[in-house]
Amino acid sequence: MNALLLAGGLGTRLRPLTEHLPKPMALVANRPWLEHLVIHLKNQGIRDFVMAVKHYPEHIRNYFGDGSKWGVSIRYAVEQTLRGTAGAIKNAESYLDDRFIVVNADIVHEVHLLPLLEYHLQHGGEVTIGLTEVDDPTQYGVVEQDRLDRILRFVEKPRLEEAPSRRINAGIYVMEKKALRYIPEDREVSIERETFPLLIREQVGVYGQVISGYWMDMGTKERYRKIHWDLLNRTCRLPIPGRENGSGIWLGDDCEIGPGALLVPPVLIGNNVKIGERSIIGPFAVIGDDCEIGRHVRCSETIMWDRCKINDAIHLNNCIFGYGLELGSRQILHEAVMNRMGAMQA
């Protein structure tokens, strides 16, 4: 059984970070999230992957190639035009096994798939949707189920008092390939608004089961930050690179920490990072590989991708910086989101 990773999203709400980058390639703990996902699924026995790509697909293909570096096989289904979630699955049909797993590749999770697969085999329907429970369902498509856990309908962004449950689509499915006969070709198709309601009407068996484990859509800058803080405080247990000293400081290889510099946990420092004298990094800071941080810098609640250069006496709070950004001396930045081209959003 192979896995289809839906990696074609535009990531509009994460711009400017994703202006020229597929959203699943955004760094999470100094590694592209898509790499975390491949490793996580490989550890659960998946060896055959199909990646549905659209937005800057060359970034994904150049990084992963055929997957042999990770001990897996990867093929690519390229969308020439945006097709929506269901359309992307249909576009990859020729690569898929008779039964396959679909994972939205822009959702950070550590979900175990075996219970979902066992449940799918037990009920005998054509689709099993992994569900997650949220405190506020008003921003999602909420599911209504019967006592057998068959999904009866989706209610899009209901008022709280009208929500049939707090269960939403987690973006993880087990599907029989024959279900794809209901998806039209060569046009954009929404799986929640069009395909799943059609499958429910056709009574092919659409079931839902609540998944366990960490789950977070990284589609906004606020959620992207929260994912990192959850990683650092270990609410999310995905692996963090570097050596952990037992007190919430992860330090990569070949780092230079200047005299009087202080790391305030929790903090993650990548490989080959230089930190100048009397700088204070943390709490809740993630510094990418090959970054240079000057003297007397204050950096907290900030995520910095690889190869950034932060000059002397800069104060940073609640910022996100993309690859290779350089900041001049003596600036104060709060809630800035900047990419290499210098674009900024508060």
C-alpha atoms as a PDB file:
ATOM      1  CA  MET A   1       0.000   0.000   0.000  1.00  0.00           C
ATOM      2  CA  ASN A   2       1.455   3.363  -0.977  1.00  0.00           C
ATOM      3  CA  ALA A   3       0.959   6.885   0.351  1.00  0.00           C
ATOM      4  CA  LEU A   4      -0.031   9.952  -1.650  1.00  0.00           C
ATOM      5  CA  LEU A   5       1.305  13.173  -0.136  1.00  0.00           C
ATOM      6  CA  LEU A   6      -0.623  16.245  -1.257  1.00  0.00           C
ATOM      7  CA  ALA A   7       2.153  18.835  -1.534  1.00  0.00           C
ATOM      8  CA  GLY A   8       0.809  21.232  -4.152  1.00  0.00           C
ATOM      9  CA  GLY A   9      -0.660  23.965  -1.949  1.00  0.00           C
ATOM     10  CA  LEU A  10       0.221  27.624  -2.502  1.00  0.00           C
ATOM     11  CA  GLY A  11       0.665  28.516   1.157  1.00  0.00           C
ATOM     12  CA  THR A  12      -0.788  31.981   0.659  1.00  0.00           C
ATOM     13  CA  ARG A  13      -1.285  32.641   4.369  1.00  0.00           C
ATOM     14  CA  LEU A  14       2.388  31.901   5.079  1.00  0.00           C
ATOM     15  CA  ARG A  15       3.659  34.449   2.591  1.00  0.00           C
ATOM     16  CA  PRO A  16       6.217  35.927   2.201  1.00  0.00           C
ATOM     17  CA  LEU A  17       7.944  32.748   3.487  1.00  0.00           C
ATOM     18  CA  THR A  18       6.254  30.614   0.815  1.00  0.00           C
ATOM     19  CA  GLU A  19       6.422  33.165  -2.004  1.00  0.00           C
ATOM     20  CA  HIS A  20       8.856  30.928  -3.905  1.00  0.00           C
ATOM     21  CA  LEU A  21       8.600  27.754  -1.833  1.00  0.00           C
ATOM     22  CA  PRO A  22       6.040  24.942  -1.516  1.00  0.00           C
ATOM     23  CA  LYS A  23       4.389  25.177   1.891  1.00  0.00           C
ATOM     24  CA  PRO A  24       5.319  21.595   2.941  1.00  0.00           C
ATOM     25  CA  MET A  25       8.986  22.558   2.449  1.00  0.00           C
ATOM     26  CA  ALA A  26       8.805  25.200   5.182  1.00  0.00           C
ATOM     27  CA  LEU A  27      11.288  24.348   7.909  1.00  0.00           C
ATOM     28  CA  VAL A  28      10.047  22.742  11.101  1.00  0.00           C
ATOM     29  CA  ALA A  29      12.840  22.427  13.672  1.00  0.00           C
ATOM     30  CA  ASN A  30      15.421  23.168  10.955  1.00  0.00           C
ATOM     31  CA  ARG A  31      14.213  20.427   8.610  1.00  0.00           C
ATOM     32  CA  PRO A  32      11.591  20.684   5.838  1.00  0.00           C
ATOM     33  CA  TRP A  33       8.297  19.443   7.240  1.00  0.00           C
ATOM     34  CA  LEU A  34       7.889  17.189   4.208  1.00  0.00           C
ATOM     35  CA  GLU A  35      11.096  15.379   5.212  1.00  0.00           C
ATOM     36  CA  HIS A  36       9.777  14.876   8.755  1.00  0.00           C
ATOM     37  CA  LEU A  37       6.602  13.443   7.206  1.00  0.00           C
ATOM     38  CA  VAL A  38       8.399  10.981   4.922  1.00  0.00           C
ATOM     39  CA  ILE A  39      10.513   9.725   7.826  1.00  0.00           C
ATOM     40  CA  HIS A  40       7.480   9.482  10.121  1.00  0.00           C
ATOM     41  CA  LEU A  41       5.543   7.409   7.582  1.00  0.00           C
ATOM     42  CA  LYS A  42       8.564   5.276   6.713  1.00  0.00           C
ATOM     43  CA  ASN A  43       8.888   4.393  10.408  1.00  0.00           C
ATOM     44  CA  GLN A  44       5.321   3.063  10.176  1.00  0.00           C
ATOM     45  CA  GLY A  45       6.131   0.785   7.253  1.00  0.00           C
ATOM     46  CA  ILE A  46       5.376   2.976   4.216  1.00  0.00           C
ATOM     47  CA  ARG A  47       8.105   2.651   1.582  1.00  0.00           C
ATOM     48  CA  ASP A  48       6.319   3.732  -1.616  1.00  0.00           C
ATOM     49  CA  PHE A  49       5.369   7.408  -1.935  1.00  0.00           C
ATOM     50  CA  VAL A  50       3.665   9.524  -4.549  1.00  0.00           C
ATOM     51  CA  MET A  51       3.968  13.295  -4.172  1.00  0.00           C
ATOM     52  CA  ALA A  52       1.312  15.471  -5.797  1.00  0.00           C
ATOM     53  CA  VAL A  53       3.126  18.728  -6.610  1.00  0.00           C
ATOM     54  CA  LYS A  54       2.183  22.022  -8.251  1.00  0.00           C
ATOM     55  CA  HIS A  55       3.709  25.148  -6.621  1.00  0.00           C
ATOM     56  CA  TYR A  56       7.464  25.268  -7.389  1.00  0.00           C
ATOM     57  CA  PRO A  57       7.653  21.467  -7.790  1.00  0.00           C
ATOM     58  CA  GLU A  58      11.358  21.599  -8.605  1.00  0.00           C
ATOM     59  CA  HIS A  59      12.152  22.426  -4.970  1.00  0.00           C
ATOM     60  CA  ILE A  60      10.598  19.150  -3.858  1.00  0.00           C
ATOM     61  CA  ARG A  61      11.989  17.042  -6.710  1.00  0.00           C
ATOM     62  CA  ASN A  62      15.509  18.426  -6.329  1.00  0.00           C
ATOM     63  CA  TYR A  63      15.469  17.823  -2.569  1.00  0.00           C
ATOM     64  CA  PHE A  64      14.027  14.302  -2.507  1.00  0.00           C
ATOM     65  CA  GLY A  65      14.878  12.872  -5.919  1.00  0.00           C
ATOM     66  CA  ASP A  66      13.790   9.248  -6.092  1.00  0.00           C
ATOM     67  CA  GLY A  67      13.776   8.926  -2.293  1.00  0.00           C
ATOM     68  CA  SER A  68      16.696   6.505  -2.108  1.00  0.00           C
ATOM     69  CA  LYS A  69      18.548   8.736   0.381  1.00  0.00           C
ATOM     70  CA  TRP A  70      15.728   8.004   2.853  1.00  0.00           C
ATOM     71  CA  GLY A  71      15.356   4.331   1.905  1.00  0.00           C
ATOM     72  CA  VAL A  72      12.017   4.871   0.136  1.00  0.00           C
ATOM     73  CA  SER A  73      10.695   5.178  -3.407  1.00  0.00           C
ATOM     74  CA  ILE A  74       9.195   8.508  -4.507  1.00  0.00           C
ATOM     75  CA  ARG A  75       7.301   9.298  -7.707  1.00  0.00           C
ATOM     76  CA  TYR A  76       5.762  12.620  -8.666  1.00  0.00           C
ATOM     77  CA  ALA A  77       2.324  13.528 -10.005  1.00  0.00           C
ATOM     78  CA  VAL A  78       2.672  17.066 -11.353  1.00  0.00           C
ATOM     79  CA  GLU A  79      -0.422  19.249 -11.655  1.00  0.00           C
ATOM     80  CA  GLN A  80      -0.285  21.547 -14.660  1.00  0.00           C
ATOM     81  CA  THR A  81      -3.255  23.498 -13.312  1.00  0.00           C
ATOM     82  CA  LEU A  82      -4.714  23.696  -9.811  1.00  0.00           C
ATOM     83  CA  ARG A  83      -7.103  20.776  -9.357  1.00  0.00           C
ATOM     84  CA  GLY A  84      -8.140  20.984  -5.711  1.00  0.00           C
ATOM     85  CA  THR A  85      -7.644  18.165  -3.227  1.00  0.00           C
ATOM     86  CA  ALA A  86      -9.769  15.574  -5.018  1.00  0.00           C
ATOM     87  CA  GLY A  87      -8.456  16.608  -8.424  1.00  0.00           C
ATOM     88  CA  ALA A  88      -4.890  16.123  -7.211  1.00  0.00           C
ATOM     89  CA  ILE A  89      -5.758  12.583  -6.095  1.00  0.00           C
ATOM     90  CA  LYS A  90      -7.384  11.866  -9.466  1.00  0.00           C
ATOM     91  CA  ASN A  91      -4.325  13.236 -11.260  1.00  0.00           C
ATOM     92  CA  ALA A  92      -2.151  10.699  -9.397  1.00  0.00           C
ATOM     93  CA  GLU A  93      -4.508   7.754 -10.067  1.00  0.00           C
ATOM     94  CA  SER A  94      -2.115   5.831 -12.327  1.00  0.00           C
ATOM     95  CA  TYR A  95       0.506   5.697  -9.548  1.00  0.00           C
ATOM     96  CA  LEU A  96      -1.796   4.495  -6.771  1.00  0.00           C
ATOM     97  CA  ASP A  97      -2.341   1.007  -5.372  1.00  0.00           C
ATOM     98  CA  ASP A  98      -5.810  -0.535  -5.088  1.00  0.00           C
ATOM     99  CA  ARG A  99      -5.832   0.701  -1.486  1.00  0.00           C
ATOM    100  CA  PHE A 100      -3.776   3.767  -0.536  1.00  0.00           C
ATOM    101  CA  ILE A 101      -3.288   6.449   2.100  1.00  0.00           C
ATOM    102  CA  VAL A 102      -3.683  10.172   1.412  1.00  0.00           C
ATOM    103  CA  VAL A 103      -1.991  12.752   3.636  1.00  0.00           C
ATOM    104  CA  ASN A 104      -2.274  16.529   3.338  1.00  0.00           C
ATOM    105  CA  ALA A 105       1.409  17.401   3.473  1.00  0.00           C
ATOM    106  CA  ASP A 106       0.955  20.832   5.048  1.00  0.00           C
ATOM    107  CA  ILE A 107      -0.463  19.501   8.324  1.00  0.00           C
ATOM    108  CA  VAL A 108       2.084  18.792  11.049  1.00  0.00           C
ATOM    109  CA  HIS A 109       1.244  15.635  12.942  1.00  0.00           C
ATOM    110  CA  GLU A 110       2.622  12.515  14.576  1.00  0.00           C
ATOM    111  CA  VAL A 111      -0.376  10.300  13.872  1.00  0.00           C
ATOM    112  CA  HIS A 112      -0.108   6.503  13.936  1.00  0.00           C
ATOM    113  CA  LEU A 113      -1.765   5.054  10.856  1.00  0.00           C
ATOM    114  CA  LEU A 114      -2.203   1.408  11.859  1.00  0.00           C
ATOM    115  CA  PRO A 115      -5.410   1.942  13.916  1.00  0.00           C
ATOM    116  CA  LEU A 116      -6.924   3.917  11.020  1.00  0.00           C
ATOM    117  CA  LEU A 117      -6.027   1.184   8.540  1.00  0.00           C
ATOM    118  CA  GLU A 118      -7.345  -1.586  10.791  1.00  0.00           C
ATOM    119  CA  TYR A 119     -10.617   0.299  11.207  1.00  0.00           C
ATOM    120  CA  HIS A 120     -10.864   0.753   7.430  1.00  0.00           C
ATOM    121  CA  LEU A 121     -10.462  -2.980   6.842  1.00  0.00           C
ATOM    122  CA  GLN A 122     -13.024  -3.716   9.530  1.00  0.00           C
ATOM    123  CA  HIS A 123     -15.903  -1.596   8.191  1.00  0.00           C
ATOM    124  CA  GLY A 124     -15.366  -2.522   4.521  1.00  0.00           C
ATOM    125  CA  GLY A 125     -16.313   0.860   3.072  1.00  0.00           C
ATOM    126  CA  GLU A 126     -14.427   2.723   0.368  1.00  0.00           C
ATOM    127  CA  VAL A 127     -13.157   5.670   2.432  1.00  0.00           C
ATOM    128  CA  THR A 128     -12.008   6.243   6.003  1.00  0.00           C
ATOM    129  CA  ILE A 129     -11.388   9.821   7.045  1.00  0.00           C
ATOM    130  CA  GLY A 130      -9.095  10.525   9.961  1.00  0.00           C
ATOM    131  CA  LEU A 131     -10.806  13.027  12.254  1.00  0.00           C
ATOM    132  CA  THR A 132      -9.479  15.308  14.943  1.00  0.00           C
ATOM    133  CA  GLU A 133     -11.413  17.108  17.666  1.00  0.00           C
ATOM    134  CA  VAL A 134     -10.969  20.871  18.042  1.00  0.00           C
ATOM    135  CA  ASP A 135     -12.111  23.305  20.707  1.00  0.00           C
ATOM    136  CA  ASP A 136     -13.537  25.766  18.176  1.00  0.00           C
ATOM    137  CA  PRO A 137     -15.078  24.043  15.129  1.00  0.00           C
ATOM    138  CA  THR A 138     -16.484  27.268  13.636  1.00  0.00           C
ATOM    139  CA  GLN A 139     -13.581  27.698  11.200  1.00  0.00           C
ATOM    140  CA  TYR A 140     -13.723  24.181   9.759  1.00  0.00           C
ATOM    141  CA  GLY A 141     -15.895  21.678   7.953  1.00  0.00           C
ATOM    142  CA  VAL A 142     -17.477  19.727  10.823  1.00  0.00           C
ATOM    143  CA  VAL A 143     -18.665  16.135  10.433  1.00  0.00           C
ATOM    144  CA  GLU A 144     -21.904  14.547  11.547  1.00  0.00           C
ATOM    145  CA  GLN A 145     -21.810  10.773  12.105  1.00  0.00           C
ATOM    146  CA  ASP A 146     -24.287   8.040  12.941  1.00  0.00           C
ATOM    147  CA  ARG A 147     -23.858   5.496  15.745  1.00  0.00           C
ATOM    148  CA  LEU A 148     -21.768   3.274  13.409  1.00  0.00           C
ATOM    149  CA  ASP A 149     -19.405   6.201  12.713  1.00  0.00           C
ATOM    150  CA  ARG A 150     -20.550   6.545   9.117  1.00  0.00           C
ATOM    151  CA  ILE A 151     -20.240  10.149   8.039  1.00  0.00           C
ATOM    152  CA  LEU A 152     -23.613  11.626   7.158  1.00  0.00           C
ATOM    153  CA  ARG A 153     -22.596  15.137   6.121  1.00  0.00           C
ATOM    154  CA  PHE A 154     -20.116  17.992   6.452  1.00  0.00           C
ATOM    155  CA  VAL A 155     -21.259  21.300   7.900  1.00  0.00           C
ATOM    156  CA  GLU A 156     -18.991  24.093   6.687  1.00  0.00           C
ATOM    157  CA  LYS A 157     -17.985  26.679   9.322  1.00  0.00           C
ATOM    158  CA  PRO A 158     -21.098  26.360  11.507  1.00  0.00           C
ATOM    159  CA  ARG A 159     -21.994  28.607  14.395  1.00  0.00           C
ATOM    160  CA  LEU A 160     -20.875  26.943  17.606  1.00  0.00           C
ATOM    161  CA  GLU A 161     -24.424  26.165  18.735  1.00  0.00           C
ATOM    162  CA  GLU A 162     -25.199  24.587  15.333  1.00  0.00           C
ATOM    163  CA  ALA A 163     -22.106  22.402  15.049  1.00  0.00           C
ATOM    164  CA  PRO A 164     -23.099  18.700  14.996  1.00  0.00           C
ATOM    165  CA  SER A 165     -19.783  17.792  16.667  1.00  0.00           C
ATOM    166  CA  ARG A 166     -16.295  19.098  17.289  1.00  0.00           C
ATOM    167  CA  ARG A 167     -14.818  16.626  14.831  1.00  0.00           C
ATOM    168  CA  ILE A 168     -13.145  17.880  11.666  1.00  0.00           C
ATOM    169  CA  ASN A 169     -11.349  16.352   8.724  1.00  0.00           C
ATOM    170  CA  ALA A 170      -7.703  15.830   9.749  1.00  0.00           C
ATOM    171  CA  GLY A 171      -6.496  15.567   6.151  1.00  0.00           C
ATOM    172  CA  ILE A 172      -5.584  11.870   6.410  1.00  0.00           C
ATOM    173  CA  TYR A 173      -7.565   9.259   4.474  1.00  0.00           C
ATOM    174  CA  VAL A 174      -7.500   5.554   3.670  1.00  0.00           C
ATOM    175  CA  MET A 175      -9.135   5.054   0.273  1.00  0.00           C
ATOM    176  CA  GLU A 176     -10.021   2.269  -2.087  1.00  0.00           C
ATOM    177  CA  LYS A 177      -8.924   3.142  -5.608  1.00  0.00           C
ATOM    178  CA  LYS A 178     -12.370   2.382  -6.990  1.00  0.00           C
ATOM    179  CA  ALA A 179     -13.667   5.447  -5.117  1.00  0.00           C
ATOM    180  CA  LEU A 180     -11.822   7.596  -7.643  1.00  0.00           C
ATOM    181  CA  ARG A 181     -14.435   6.769 -10.285  1.00  0.00           C
ATOM    182  CA  TYR A 182     -16.562   9.494  -8.736  1.00  0.00           C
ATOM    183  CA  ILE A 183     -13.933  12.222  -9.290  1.00  0.00           C
ATOM    184  CA  PRO A 184     -14.135  13.979 -12.703  1.00  0.00           C
ATOM    185  CA  GLU A 185     -10.926  14.531 -14.651  1.00  0.00           C
ATOM    186  CA  ASP A 186      -9.280  17.737 -15.828  1.00  0.00           C
ATOM    187  CA  ARG A 187     -10.906  20.223 -13.505  1.00  0.00           C
ATOM    188  CA  GLU A 188     -10.631  21.524  -9.970  1.00  0.00           C
ATOM    189  CA  VAL A 189     -12.525  19.367  -7.455  1.00  0.00           C
ATOM    190  CA  SER A 190     -12.867  19.877  -3.696  1.00  0.00           C
ATOM    191  CA  ILE A 191     -12.821  16.629  -1.764  1.00  0.00           C
ATOM    192  CA  GLU A 192     -14.858  17.999   1.185  1.00  0.00           C
ATOM    193  CA  ARG A 193     -17.384  20.092  -0.711  1.00  0.00           C
ATOM    194  CA  GLU A 194     -17.903  17.825  -3.712  1.00  0.00           C
ATOM    195  CA  THR A 195     -16.361  14.351  -3.597  1.00  0.00           C
ATOM    196  CA  PHE A 196     -17.131  13.220  -0.059  1.00  0.00           C
ATOM    197  CA  PRO A 197     -20.785  14.422  -0.200  1.00  0.00           C
ATOM    198  CA  LEU A 198     -21.181  12.547  -3.497  1.00  0.00           C
ATOM    199  CA  LEU A 199     -19.687   9.352  -2.038  1.00  0.00           C
ATOM    200  CA  ILE A 200     -22.041   9.682   0.936  1.00  0.00           C
ATOM    201  CA  ARG A 201     -25.070  10.032  -1.371  1.00  0.00           C
ATOM    202  CA  GLU A 202     -23.912   7.014  -3.376  1.00  0.00           C
ATOM    203  CA  GLN A 203     -23.660   5.032  -0.112  1.00  0.00           C
ATOM    204  CA  VAL A 204     -20.238   3.572  -0.896  1.00  0.00           C
ATOM    205  CA  GLY A 205     -19.254   3.693   2.789  1.00  0.00           C
ATOM    206  CA  VAL A 206     -17.573   6.839   4.086  1.00  0.00           C
ATOM    207  CA  TYR A 207     -16.509   6.402   7.701  1.00  0.00           C
ATOM    208  CA  GLY A 208     -14.599   8.536  10.162  1.00  0.00           C
ATOM    209  CA  GLN A 209     -12.391   7.720  13.121  1.00  0.00           C
ATOM    210  CA  VAL A 210     -10.762  10.096  15.576  1.00  0.00           C
ATOM    211  CA  ILE A 211      -6.985   9.891  15.372  1.00  0.00           C
ATOM    212  CA  SER A 212      -4.650  10.229  18.325  1.00  0.00           C
ATOM    213  CA  GLY A 213      -1.408  12.161  18.511  1.00  0.00           C
ATOM    214  CA  TYR A 214      -0.334  15.704  17.812  1.00  0.00           C
ATOM    215  CA  TRP A 215      -2.080  17.532  14.944  1.00  0.00           C
ATOM    216  CA  MET A 216      -1.723  21.132  13.761  1.00  0.00           C
ATOM    217  CA  ASP A 217      -2.448  22.832  10.452  1.00  0.00           C
ATOM    218  CA  MET A 218       0.544  25.092   9.802  1.00  0.00           C
ATOM    219  CA  GLY A 219      -1.383  27.269   7.371  1.00  0.00           C
ATOM    220  CA  THR A 220      -0.970  30.544   9.281  1.00  0.00           C
ATOM    221  CA  LYS A 221       1.994  32.320  10.807  1.00  0.00           C
ATOM    222  CA  GLU A 222       0.434  32.015  14.256  1.00  0.00           C
ATOM    223  CA  ARG A 223       0.054  28.246  13.934  1.00  0.00           C
ATOM    224  CA  TYR A 224       3.514  27.928  12.414  1.00  0.00           C
ATOM    225  CA  ARG A 225       4.969  29.612  15.491  1.00  0.00           C
ATOM    226  CA  LYS A 226       2.856  27.475  17.824  1.00  0.00           C
ATOM    227  CA  ILE A 227       4.128  24.280  16.194  1.00  0.00           C
ATOM    228  CA  HIS A 228       7.671  25.305  17.094  1.00  0.00           C
ATOM    229  CA  TRP A 229       6.826  26.246  20.655  1.00  0.00           C
ATOM    230  CA  ASP A 230       5.024  22.898  21.007  1.00  0.00           C
ATOM    231  CA  LEU A 231       8.148  21.149  19.721  1.00  0.00           C
ATOM    232  CA  LEU A 232      10.417  22.984  22.127  1.00  0.00           C
ATOM    233  CA  ASN A 233       8.246  22.283  25.158  1.00  0.00           C
ATOM    234  CA  ARG A 234       7.766  18.696  23.845  1.00  0.00           C
ATOM    235  CA  THR A 235       3.994  18.842  23.534  1.00  0.00           C
ATOM    236  CA  CYS A 236       4.834  17.621  20.041  1.00  0.00           C
ATOM    237  CA  ARG A 237       7.316  14.757  20.164  1.00  0.00           C
ATOM    238  CA  LEU A 238       8.749  14.925  16.654  1.00  0.00           C
ATOM    239  CA  PRO A 239      12.539  14.521  16.666  1.00  0.00           C
ATOM    240  CA  ILE A 240      14.597  17.667  17.258  1.00  0.00           C
ATOM    241  CA  PRO A 241      18.102  17.697  15.749  1.00  0.00           C
ATOM    242  CA  GLY A 242      21.187  18.409  17.820  1.00  0.00           C
ATOM    243  CA  ARG A 243      22.390  17.380  21.253  1.00  0.00           C
ATOM    244  CA  GLU A 244      19.975  18.096  24.099  1.00  0.00           C
ATOM    245  CA  ASN A 245      21.657  19.017  27.370  1.00  0.00           C
ATOM    246  CA  GLY A 246      18.758  17.945  29.569  1.00  0.00           C
ATOM    247  CA  SER A 247      17.472  21.435  30.251  1.00  0.00           C
ATOM    248  CA  GLY A 248      15.755  22.330  26.995  1.00  0.00           C
ATOM    249  CA  ILE A 249      18.755  23.471  24.937  1.00  0.00           C
ATOM    250  CA  TRP A 250      19.428  21.647  21.668  1.00  0.00           C
ATOM    251  CA  LEU A 251      22.810  22.490  20.143  1.00  0.00           C
ATOM    252  CA  GLY A 252      24.062  21.472  16.701  1.00  0.00           C
ATOM    253  CA  ASP A 253      27.591  20.657  15.569  1.00  0.00           C
ATOM    254  CA  ASP A 254      30.469  23.113  15.144  1.00  0.00           C
ATOM    255  CA  CYS A 255      28.812  26.060  16.898  1.00  0.00           C
ATOM    256  CA  GLU A 256      30.705  29.036  18.330  1.00  0.00           C
ATOM    257  CA  ILE A 257      29.181  30.692  21.391  1.00  0.00           C
ATOM    258  CA  GLY A 258      30.888  33.979  22.239  1.00  0.00           C
ATOM    259  CA  PRO A 259      31.978  35.060  25.749  1.00  0.00           C
ATOM    260  CA  GLY A 260      29.101  36.127  27.924  1.00  0.00           C
ATOM    261  CA  ALA A 261      26.494  34.845  25.448  1.00  0.00           C
ATOM    262  CA  LEU A 262      23.504  33.130  27.033  1.00  0.00           C
ATOM    263  CA  LEU A 263      21.108  30.469  25.726  1.00  0.00           C
ATOM    264  CA  VAL A 264      17.785  30.624  27.572  1.00  0.00           C
ATOM    265  CA  PRO A 265      15.754  27.404  27.231  1.00  0.00           C
ATOM    266  CA  PRO A 266      13.887  26.188  25.430  1.00  0.00           C
ATOM    267  CA  VAL A 267      16.036  26.923  22.405  1.00  0.00           C
ATOM    268  CA  LEU A 268      17.248  25.080  19.300  1.00  0.00           C
ATOM    269  CA  ILE A 269      20.542  26.059  17.672  1.00  0.00           C
ATOM    270  CA  GLY A 270      21.418  24.477  14.318  1.00  0.00           C
ATOM    271  CA  ASN A 271      24.769  23.387  12.934  1.00  0.00           C
ATOM    272  CA  ASN A 272      27.669  25.779  12.325  1.00  0.00           C
ATOM    273  CA  VAL A 273      26.015  28.717  14.097  1.00  0.00           C
ATOM    274  CA  LYS A 274      28.056  31.645  15.430  1.00  0.00           C
ATOM    275  CA  ILE A 275      26.691  33.722  18.311  1.00  0.00           C
ATOM    276  CA  GLY A 276      28.491  36.897  19.333  1.00  0.00           C
ATOM    277  CA  GLU A 277      29.488  38.004  22.796  1.00  0.00           C
ATOM    278  CA  ARG A 278      26.819  38.946  25.333  1.00  0.00           C
ATOM    279  CA  SER A 279      23.956  37.970  23.045  1.00  0.00           C
ATOM    280  CA  ILE A 280      20.904  36.372  24.664  1.00  0.00           C
ATOM    281  CA  ILE A 281      19.084  33.750  22.573  1.00  0.00           C
ATOM    282  CA  GLY A 282      15.757  32.433  23.835  1.00  0.00           C
ATOM    283  CA  PRO A 283      13.478  31.512  25.340  1.00  0.00           C
ATOM    284  CA  PHE A 284      11.584  29.904  22.463  1.00  0.00           C
ATOM    285  CA  ALA A 285      14.088  30.566  19.689  1.00  0.00           C
ATOM    286  CA  VAL A 286      14.923  28.339  16.723  1.00  0.00           C
ATOM    287  CA  ILE A 287      18.132  29.236  14.870  1.00  0.00           C
ATOM    288  CA  GLY A 288      18.825  27.520  11.547  1.00  0.00           C
ATOM    289  CA  ASP A 289      22.078  26.088  10.216  1.00  0.00           C
ATOM    290  CA  ASP A 290      24.960  28.404   9.221  1.00  0.00           C
ATOM    291  CA  CYS A 291      23.456  31.493  10.873  1.00  0.00           C
ATOM    292  CA  GLU A 292      25.630  34.310  12.198  1.00  0.00           C
ATOM    293  CA  ILE A 293      24.399  36.352  15.149  1.00  0.00           C
ATOM    294  CA  GLY A 294      26.351  39.428  16.201  1.00  0.00           C
ATOM    295  CA  ARG A 295      27.155  40.900  19.594  1.00  0.00           C
ATOM    296  CA  HIS A 296      24.588  42.150  22.118  1.00  0.00           C
ATOM    297  CA  VAL A 297      21.670  40.640  20.179  1.00  0.00           C
ATOM    298  CA  ARG A 298      18.399  39.829  22.005  1.00  0.00           C
ATOM    299  CA  CYS A 299      16.370  37.131  20.289  1.00  0.00           C
ATOM    300  CA  SER A 300      13.246  35.500  21.767  1.00  0.00           C
ATOM    301  CA  GLU A 301      10.160  33.719  20.386  1.00  0.00           C
ATOM    302  CA  THR A 302      11.772  33.878  16.950  1.00  0.00           C
ATOM    303  CA  ILE A 303      12.309  31.350  14.147  1.00  0.00           C
ATOM    304  CA  MET A 304      15.268  31.863  11.849  1.00  0.00           C
ATOM    305  CA  TRP A 305      15.890  29.704   8.786  1.00  0.00           C
ATOM    306  CA  ASP A 306      19.342  28.724   7.513  1.00  0.00           C
ATOM    307  CA  ARG A 307      22.104  31.177   6.563  1.00  0.00           C
ATOM    308  CA  CYS A 308      20.661  34.274   8.213  1.00  0.00           C
ATOM    309  CA  LYS A 309      22.990  37.027   9.395  1.00  0.00           C
ATOM    310  CA  ILE A 310      21.918  39.187  12.332  1.00  0.00           C
ATOM    311  CA  ASN A 311      24.268  42.081  13.003  1.00  0.00           C
ATOM    312  CA  ASP A 312      25.097  43.722  16.337  1.00  0.00           C
ATOM    313  CA  ALA A 313      22.634  45.077  18.914  1.00  0.00           C
ATOM    314  CA  ILE A 314      19.419  43.899  17.242  1.00  0.00           C
ATOM    315  CA  HIS A 315      16.366  43.053  19.354  1.00  0.00           C
ATOM    316  CA  LEU A 316      14.036  40.412  17.902  1.00  0.00           C
ATOM    317  CA  ASN A 317      10.756  39.202  19.369  1.00  0.00           C
ATOM    318  CA  ASN A 318       8.153  36.907  17.825  1.00  0.00           C
ATOM    319  CA  CYS A 319       9.702  37.087  14.340  1.00  0.00           C
ATOM    320  CA  ILE A 320      10.081  34.607  11.472  1.00  0.00           C
ATOM    321  CA  PHE A 321      12.933  34.976   8.963  1.00  0.00           C
ATOM    322  CA  GLY A 322      13.333  33.007   5.730  1.00  0.00           C
ATOM    323  CA  TYR A 323      16.535  31.695   4.174  1.00  0.00           C
ATOM    324  CA  GLY A 324      19.604  33.916   3.930  1.00  0.00           C
ATOM    325  CA  LEU A 325      18.153  37.098   5.400  1.00  0.00           C
ATOM    326  CA  GLU A 326      20.556  39.775   6.655  1.00  0.00           C
ATOM    327  CA  LEU A 327      19.576  42.503   9.115  1.00  0.00           C
ATOM    328  CA  GLY A 328      21.545  45.681   9.728  1.00  0.00           C
ATOM    329  CA  SER A 329      22.695  46.709  13.196  1.00  0.00           C
ATOM    330  CA  ARG A 330      20.643  48.330  15.971  1.00  0.00           C
ATOM    331  CA  GLN A 331      17.131  47.418  14.879  1.00  0.00           C
ATOM    332  CA  ILE A 332      14.148  46.432  16.988  1.00  0.00           C
ATOM    333  CA  LEU A 333      11.705  44.064  15.296  1.00  0.00           C
ATOM    334  CA  HIS A 334       8.506  42.648  16.792  1.00  0.00           C
ATOM    335  CA  GLU A 335       6.222  40.157  14.979  1.00  0.00           C
ATOM    336  CA  ALA A 336       8.067  40.687  11.696  1.00  0.00           C
ATOM    337  CA  VAL A 337       7.879  38.016   9.001  1.00  0.00           C
ATOM    338  CA  MET A 338      10.554  38.504   6.364  1.00  0.00           C
ATOM    339  CA  ASN A 339      12.021  36.568   3.481  1.00  0.00           C
ATOM    340  CA  ARG A 340      15.343  36.929   1.695  1.00  0.00           C
ATOM    341  CA  MET A 341      13.947  39.621  -0.599  1.00  0.00           C
ATOM    342  CA  GLY A 342      13.165  41.818   2.404  1.00  0.00           C
ATOM    343  CA  ALA A 343       9.361  41.644   2.175  1.00  0.00           C
ATOM    344  CA  MET A 344       7.739  42.116   5.544  1.00  0.00           C
ATOM    345  CA  GLN A 345       4.410  41.378   7.132  1.00  0.00           C
ATOM    346  CA  ALA A 346       3.445  42.140  10.704  1.00  0.00           C
END
